[in-house]
Amino acid sequence: MRLPGAPRAPRSSLDLARSPTTDTEVNAMRAAAWHRLGVAAIAVDEIADPWLRQAIINEANRRWGRRGGGSSHGR
């Protein structure tokens, strides 16, 4: 039971009672990251332009290393 005005319990990935994050919530977090921090979180598979998609993949690989288990795009 929660008292009126009491702070909410902290969220945890171990909280099995909470439902998974919805696509709407994820998009809201992406928008907030862009507006507050200037960080764009875009799924590579959503980028239609092949040149732009590959440029972003190349930069991410340079900064953080190759992804494990992802598609190899012809390799």
N, C-alpha and C. Protein backbone atom coordinates (compact mmCIF):
# COMPACT_ATOMS: atom_id res chain seq x y z
N MET A 1 0.84 -1.19 0.00
CA MET A 1 0.00 0.00 0.00
C MET A 1 0.87 1.23 0.00
N ARG A 2 0.43 2.24 -0.71
CA ARG A 2 1.19 3.48 -0.82
C ARG A 2 0.40 4.62 -0.19
N LEU A 3 1.04 5.39 0.65
CA LEU A 3 0.37 6.53 1.28
C LEU A 3 0.29 7.68 0.29
N PRO A 4 -0.77 8.48 0.36
CA PRO A 4 -0.88 9.64 -0.54
C PRO A 4 0.31 10.59 -0.33
N GLY A 5 0.90 11.01 -1.42
CA GLY A 5 2.02 11.94 -1.35
C GLY A 5 3.36 11.29 -1.09
N ALA A 6 3.38 9.99 -0.84
CA ALA A 6 4.64 9.28 -0.59
C ALA A 6 5.40 9.10 -1.90
N PRO A 7 6.72 9.09 -1.83
CA PRO A 7 7.48 8.88 -3.07
C PRO A 7 7.25 7.47 -3.62
N ARG A 8 7.37 7.35 -4.92
CA ARG A 8 7.21 6.04 -5.54
C ARG A 8 8.43 5.18 -5.27
N ALA A 9 8.23 3.89 -5.26
CA ALA A 9 9.36 2.97 -5.06
C ALA A 9 10.30 3.05 -6.25
N PRO A 10 11.59 2.87 -6.04
CA PRO A 10 12.53 2.93 -7.17
C PRO A 10 12.26 1.81 -8.17
N ARG A 11 12.50 2.11 -9.46
CA ARG A 11 12.31 1.11 -10.50
C ARG A 11 13.55 0.24 -10.59
N SER A 12 13.35 -1.01 -10.91
CA SER A 12 14.46 -1.95 -11.01
C SER A 12 14.16 -2.95 -12.11
N SER A 13 15.22 -3.41 -12.79
CA SER A 13 15.03 -4.44 -13.80
C SER A 13 14.63 -5.77 -13.15
N LEU A 14 14.77 -5.86 -11.85
CA LEU A 14 14.39 -7.07 -11.13
C LEU A 14 12.92 -7.06 -10.70
N ASP A 15 12.24 -5.94 -10.95
CA ASP A 15 10.83 -5.82 -10.59
C ASP A 15 9.99 -6.57 -11.61
N LEU A 16 9.63 -7.80 -11.30
CA LEU A 16 8.91 -8.64 -12.23
C LEU A 16 7.44 -8.26 -12.37
N ALA A 17 6.94 -7.42 -11.48
CA ALA A 17 5.54 -7.02 -11.53
C ALA A 17 5.32 -5.94 -12.58
N ARG A 18 6.36 -5.25 -12.99
CA ARG A 18 6.23 -4.16 -13.97
C ARG A 18 6.22 -4.74 -15.38
N SER A 19 5.34 -4.24 -16.21
CA SER A 19 5.27 -4.71 -17.59
C SER A 19 6.44 -4.13 -18.39
N PRO A 20 6.82 -4.77 -19.50
CA PRO A 20 7.92 -4.26 -20.32
C PRO A 20 7.61 -2.88 -20.88
N THR A 21 8.65 -2.16 -21.20
CA THR A 21 8.50 -0.82 -21.76
C THR A 21 7.84 -0.93 -23.13
N THR A 22 6.85 -0.09 -23.38
CA THR A 22 6.14 -0.11 -24.66
C THR A 22 6.90 0.71 -25.70
N ASP A 23 6.55 0.53 -26.97
CA ASP A 23 7.17 1.31 -28.05
C ASP A 23 6.92 2.81 -27.85
N THR A 24 5.74 3.15 -27.37
CA THR A 24 5.42 4.56 -27.11
C THR A 24 6.34 5.14 -26.04
N GLU A 25 6.58 4.38 -24.97
CA GLU A 25 7.47 4.84 -23.91
C GLU A 25 8.91 4.98 -24.40
N VAL A 26 9.34 4.02 -25.22
CA VAL A 26 10.71 4.09 -25.77
C VAL A 26 10.85 5.32 -26.65
N ASN A 27 9.87 5.60 -27.50
CA ASN A 27 9.94 6.78 -28.35
C ASN A 27 9.92 8.06 -27.53
N ALA A 28 9.19 8.08 -26.43
CA ALA A 28 9.19 9.25 -25.55
C ALA A 28 10.57 9.45 -24.91
N MET A 29 11.23 8.34 -24.54
CA MET A 29 12.59 8.44 -23.98
C MET A 29 13.58 8.94 -25.03
N ARG A 30 13.42 8.46 -26.27
CA ARG A 30 14.28 8.94 -27.36
C ARG A 30 14.11 10.43 -27.59
N ALA A 31 12.86 10.88 -27.60
CA ALA A 31 12.58 12.31 -27.79
C ALA A 31 13.17 13.14 -26.66
N ALA A 32 13.03 12.67 -25.44
CA ALA A 32 13.59 13.39 -24.29
C ALA A 32 15.11 13.46 -24.37
N ALA A 33 15.75 12.36 -24.78
CA ALA A 33 17.21 12.37 -24.91
C ALA A 33 17.64 13.37 -25.97
N TRP A 34 16.89 13.46 -27.05
CA TRP A 34 17.23 14.42 -28.11
C TRP A 34 17.06 15.86 -27.62
N HIS A 35 15.93 16.15 -27.00
CA HIS A 35 15.65 17.52 -26.58
C HIS A 35 16.52 17.97 -25.41
N ARG A 36 16.78 17.10 -24.46
CA ARG A 36 17.54 17.48 -23.26
C ARG A 36 19.04 17.37 -23.45
N LEU A 37 19.50 16.35 -24.17
CA LEU A 37 20.93 16.05 -24.23
C LEU A 37 21.54 16.17 -25.62
N GLY A 38 20.69 16.30 -26.64
CA GLY A 38 21.20 16.33 -28.00
C GLY A 38 21.66 14.96 -28.49
N VAL A 39 21.12 13.90 -27.90
CA VAL A 39 21.48 12.53 -28.26
C VAL A 39 20.35 11.94 -29.09
N ALA A 40 20.67 11.45 -30.29
CA ALA A 40 19.67 10.81 -31.14
C ALA A 40 19.82 9.30 -31.05
N ALA A 41 18.77 8.63 -30.67
CA ALA A 41 18.78 7.16 -30.57
C ALA A 41 17.87 6.63 -31.68
N ILE A 42 18.49 6.16 -32.75
CA ILE A 42 17.75 5.68 -33.91
C ILE A 42 18.20 4.25 -34.19
N ALA A 43 17.25 3.34 -34.34
CA ALA A 43 17.58 1.96 -34.68
C ALA A 43 18.13 1.95 -36.11
N VAL A 44 19.27 1.30 -36.30
CA VAL A 44 19.93 1.27 -37.60
C VAL A 44 19.00 0.69 -38.66
N ASP A 45 18.22 -0.31 -38.30
CA ASP A 45 17.31 -0.94 -39.25
C ASP A 45 16.19 -0.01 -39.72
N GLU A 46 15.97 1.10 -39.01
CA GLU A 46 14.94 2.06 -39.39
C GLU A 46 15.45 3.10 -40.38
N ILE A 47 16.74 3.13 -40.66
CA ILE A 47 17.32 4.11 -41.58
C ILE A 47 17.21 3.55 -43.00
N ALA A 48 16.41 4.21 -43.84
CA ALA A 48 16.12 3.71 -45.18
C ALA A 48 17.28 3.93 -46.16
N ASP A 49 18.00 5.02 -46.02
CA ASP A 49 19.08 5.34 -46.96
C ASP A 49 20.28 4.44 -46.68
N PRO A 50 20.69 3.59 -47.64
CA PRO A 50 21.78 2.65 -47.39
C PRO A 50 23.12 3.33 -47.09
N TRP A 51 23.41 4.46 -47.75
CA TRP A 51 24.67 5.16 -47.53
C TRP A 51 24.72 5.71 -46.11
N LEU A 52 23.64 6.37 -45.70
CA LEU A 52 23.57 6.94 -44.35
C LEU A 52 23.63 5.86 -43.29
N ARG A 53 22.88 4.75 -43.50
CA ARG A 53 22.89 3.64 -42.55
C ARG A 53 24.31 3.09 -42.37
N GLN A 54 25.04 2.89 -43.48
CA GLN A 54 26.38 2.34 -43.39
C GLN A 54 27.34 3.32 -42.72
N ALA A 55 27.16 4.62 -42.99
CA ALA A 55 28.01 5.63 -42.34
C ALA A 55 27.82 5.61 -40.82
N ILE A 56 26.58 5.46 -40.38
CA ILE A 56 26.31 5.41 -38.93
C ILE A 56 26.87 4.13 -38.33
N ILE A 57 26.72 3.00 -39.03
CA ILE A 57 27.29 1.74 -38.55
C ILE A 57 28.81 1.86 -38.44
N ASN A 58 29.44 2.45 -39.45
CA ASN A 58 30.90 2.60 -39.42
C ASN A 58 31.36 3.45 -38.23
N GLU A 59 30.64 4.54 -37.97
CA GLU A 59 31.03 5.41 -36.85
C GLU A 59 30.82 4.70 -35.51
N ALA A 60 29.72 3.98 -35.38
CA ALA A 60 29.46 3.24 -34.13
C ALA A 60 30.53 2.16 -33.93
N ASN A 61 30.90 1.46 -34.99
CA ASN A 61 31.95 0.44 -34.89
C ASN A 61 33.28 1.07 -34.49
N ARG A 62 33.57 2.23 -35.04
CA ARG A 62 34.82 2.91 -34.70
C ARG A 62 34.85 3.30 -33.23
N ARG A 63 33.72 3.81 -32.72
CA ARG A 63 33.68 4.28 -31.33
C ARG A 63 33.58 3.15 -30.31
N TRP A 64 32.72 2.16 -30.58
CA TRP A 64 32.39 1.17 -29.55
C TRP A 64 32.68 -0.27 -29.93
N GLY A 65 33.17 -0.50 -31.14
CA GLY A 65 33.46 -1.87 -31.58
C GLY A 65 32.25 -2.49 -32.26
N ARG A 66 32.51 -3.59 -32.92
CA ARG A 66 31.45 -4.28 -33.66
C ARG A 66 30.42 -4.88 -32.72
N ARG A 67 29.18 -4.95 -33.20
CA ARG A 67 28.10 -5.57 -32.45
C ARG A 67 28.25 -7.07 -32.54
N GLY A 68 27.87 -7.76 -31.49
CA GLY A 68 27.87 -9.22 -31.51
C GLY A 68 26.50 -9.74 -31.87
N GLY A 69 26.44 -10.70 -32.80
CA GLY A 69 25.18 -11.34 -33.13
C GLY A 69 24.29 -10.57 -34.08
N GLY A 70 24.68 -9.37 -34.51
CA GLY A 70 23.86 -8.62 -35.44
C GLY A 70 24.06 -9.10 -36.87
N SER A 71 23.29 -8.55 -37.77
CA SER A 71 23.45 -8.95 -39.17
C SER A 71 24.77 -8.42 -39.69
N SER A 72 25.37 -9.15 -40.62
CA SER A 72 26.71 -8.78 -41.11
C SER A 72 26.64 -7.97 -42.40
N HIS A 73 25.46 -7.72 -42.94
CA HIS A 73 25.27 -6.94 -44.17
C HIS A 73 26.20 -7.41 -45.28
N GLY A 74 26.14 -8.71 -45.60
CA GLY A 74 26.88 -9.25 -46.71
C GLY A 74 28.28 -9.74 -46.40
N ARG A 75 28.67 -9.71 -45.15
CA ARG A 75 30.03 -10.16 -44.80
C ARG A 75 30.02 -11.54 -44.24
